[in-house]
C-alpha atoms as a PDB file:
ATOM      1  CA  MET A   1     107.471 102.058  83.297  1.00  0.00           C
ATOM      2  CA  ILE A   2     108.690 103.571  86.550  1.00  0.00           C
ATOM      3  CA  ILE A   3     106.030 105.237  88.695  1.00  0.00           C
ATOM      4  CA  SER A   4     107.336 108.057  90.845  1.00  0.00           C
ATOM      5  CA  TYR A   5     105.658 107.786  94.223  1.00  0.00           C
ATOM      6  CA  PRO A   6     105.968 111.428  95.391  1.00  0.00           C
ATOM      7  CA  TYR A   7     103.714 112.462  92.522  1.00  0.00           C
ATOM      8  CA  ILE A   8     101.007 110.151  93.804  1.00  0.00           C
ATOM      9  CA  LEU A   9     100.739 112.516  96.780  1.00  0.00           C
ATOM     10  CA  LEU A  10      99.740 115.237  94.311  1.00  0.00           C
ATOM     11  CA  ILE A  11      96.963 113.007  93.022  1.00  0.00           C
ATOM     12  CA  ILE A  12      95.722 112.290  96.550  1.00  0.00           C
ATOM     13  CA  ALA A  13      95.859 115.965  97.557  1.00  0.00           C
ATOM     14  CA  GLY A  14      94.024 116.999  94.395  1.00  0.00           C
ATOM     15  CA  LEU A  15      91.282 114.438  94.949  1.00  0.00           C
ATOM     16  CA  ALA A  16      90.936 115.541  98.570  1.00  0.00           C
ATOM     17  CA  GLY A  17      90.477 119.153  97.484  1.00  0.00           C
ATOM     18  CA  ILE A  18      87.894 118.203  94.879  1.00  0.00           C
ATOM     19  CA  ILE A  19      85.975 115.875  97.182  1.00  0.00           C
ATOM     20  CA  TRP A  20      85.841 118.446  99.981  1.00  0.00           C
ATOM     21  CA  GLY A  21      85.319 121.524  97.827  1.00  0.00           C
ATOM     22  CA  LEU A  22      82.460 120.486  95.551  1.00  0.00           C
ATOM     23  CA  PRO A  23      79.868 119.960  98.299  1.00  0.00           C
ATOM     24  CA  ALA A  24      81.296 122.829 100.360  1.00  0.00           C
ATOM     25  CA  ALA A  25      80.904 125.281  97.476  1.00  0.00           C
ATOM     26  CA  HIS A  26      77.158 124.651  97.511  1.00  0.00           C
ATOM     27  CA  ARG A  27      76.734 124.317 101.269  1.00  0.00           C
ATOM     28  CA  LEU A  28      78.640 127.325 102.623  1.00  0.00           C
ATOM     29  CA  LYS A  29      77.446 130.929 102.825  1.00  0.00           C
ATOM     30  CA  SER A  30      78.406 133.616 100.339  1.00  0.00           C
ATOM     31  CA  PRO A  31      81.986 134.670 101.113  1.00  0.00           C
ATOM     32  CA  PHE A  32      83.132 131.154 102.003  1.00  0.00           C
ATOM     33  CA  ASP A  33      81.731 129.414  98.928  1.00  0.00           C
ATOM     34  CA  ILE A  34      84.180 131.339  96.762  1.00  0.00           C
ATOM     35  CA  ALA A  35      87.085 129.951  98.783  1.00  0.00           C
ATOM     36  CA  ALA A  36      85.689 126.430  98.410  1.00  0.00           C
ATOM     37  CA  ALA A  37      85.400 126.931  94.649  1.00  0.00           C
ATOM     38  CA  VAL A  38      89.030 128.066  94.523  1.00  0.00           C
ATOM     39  CA  VAL A  39      90.009 124.925  96.468  1.00  0.00           C
ATOM     40  CA  VAL A  40      88.205 122.831  93.833  1.00  0.00           C
ATOM     41  CA  LEU A  41      90.054 124.633  91.047  1.00  0.00           C
ATOM     42  CA  CYS A  42      93.408 124.105  92.774  1.00  0.00           C
ATOM     43  CA  GLY A  43      92.455 120.471  93.363  1.00  0.00           C
ATOM     44  CA  VAL A  44      91.745 119.913  89.681  1.00  0.00           C
ATOM     45  CA  ILE A  45      95.049 121.505  88.700  1.00  0.00           C
ATOM     46  CA  THR A  46      96.964 119.518  91.337  1.00  0.00           C
ATOM     47  CA  PHE A  47      95.276 116.273  90.306  1.00  0.00           C
ATOM     48  CA  ALA A  48      96.001 116.832  86.620  1.00  0.00           C
ATOM     49  CA  LEU A  49      99.621 117.744  87.356  1.00  0.00           C
ATOM     50  CA  GLY A  50     100.048 114.665  89.539  1.00  0.00           C
ATOM     51  CA  VAL A  51      98.624 112.340  86.886  1.00  0.00           C
ATOM     52  CA  LEU A  52     100.743 113.946  84.193  1.00  0.00           C
ATOM     53  CA  LEU A  53     103.970 113.721  86.176  1.00  0.00           C
ATOM     54  CA  THR A  54     103.246 110.181  87.367  1.00  0.00           C
ATOM     55  CA  PHE A  55     102.768 108.685  83.937  1.00  0.00           C
ATOM     56  CA  ILE A  56     105.026 111.003  81.892  1.00  0.00           C
ATOM     57  CA  PRO A  57     107.906 111.906  84.258  1.00  0.00           C
ATOM     58  CA  GLY A  58     109.932 113.907  81.728  1.00  0.00           C
ATOM     59  CA  PHE A  59     107.022 116.076  80.584  1.00  0.00           C
ATOM     60  CA  PHE A  60     108.357 119.376  81.897  1.00  0.00           C
END
């Protein structure tokens, strides 16, 4: 099994967005908490895409 290292950056970026965004979505005031929630959503999508492409490179 060959692991493609550029896709690991997607995993790291997704985890960073999730780790920052979850507490920020509850801590920030009203207009900014929506942006933090969107960052969490993008982080989840980026993380899932990174895991998928790392372990199944020919998926798409």
